[in-house]
């Protein structure tokens, strides 16, 4: 037997976690969130135009296609909705990549203190039911691990930005699903306007959510940059 041979120890939870700068991904995420706001505004303008067309009809129970110009209005609204979905999907992918980078860094800052494994940083958004709270909880764990300490950071920011952002995220998701279902099934002018009203509210909430998300991205990125530069204890 070779006495120099040793058995490899089991990897710790932070074994593959590597401290890397989140600044580049943070900038990309903020830029795409700004693009989301632009598409939301375009959707609001197109939806508002279609709403005005439908409101001008004399009979709210009449068929949609009886309103002059409604086909062009619906086409325009659908195209802006497609653009909105593409930008939203791209932003979501980059956002999760940024969040995973932060989750890796947070594992280095505070190993073994996170409630769920790093794989849930992505899966937590996709698995039904748990996606109602996993992303918020993971973000809170990252926030707690990344909070700067020491003389270089005299103020310790609270977790309010995460809770506010998550509340608007859930609200806009609810109204978007409800509005989309009503609008897609609408055959009469009145029903279509109800759907458009719900979708308009969802777009407005999404703009607020995107603004809050940009602030959150900047805050967390800055917090981790400070902690990486000065060390966990501000040394």
Foldseek 3Di string as FASTA:
>chain_A
DDPVDDDDDDAALLNPQDQDALVVLLVVLLVLLVVLLVLLVQLLVLLVVLLVQLVPDPDQQDFQVVGPPNVVSVVSNVVSVVVSVVSVVVSVVSVLVSLLSLLSLLCVQPNPPAPDHSVCSPVCCPDPPSVLPSNLSSLVSSLVSLFAADPVDPDGDDPVLSVVLSVLVVQLVVLCVVLVVQCVPDGGSNSNSVSSVSNNVSSVSSSVSSVSVSVSSVVSSVSNVQCVVQPRHSD
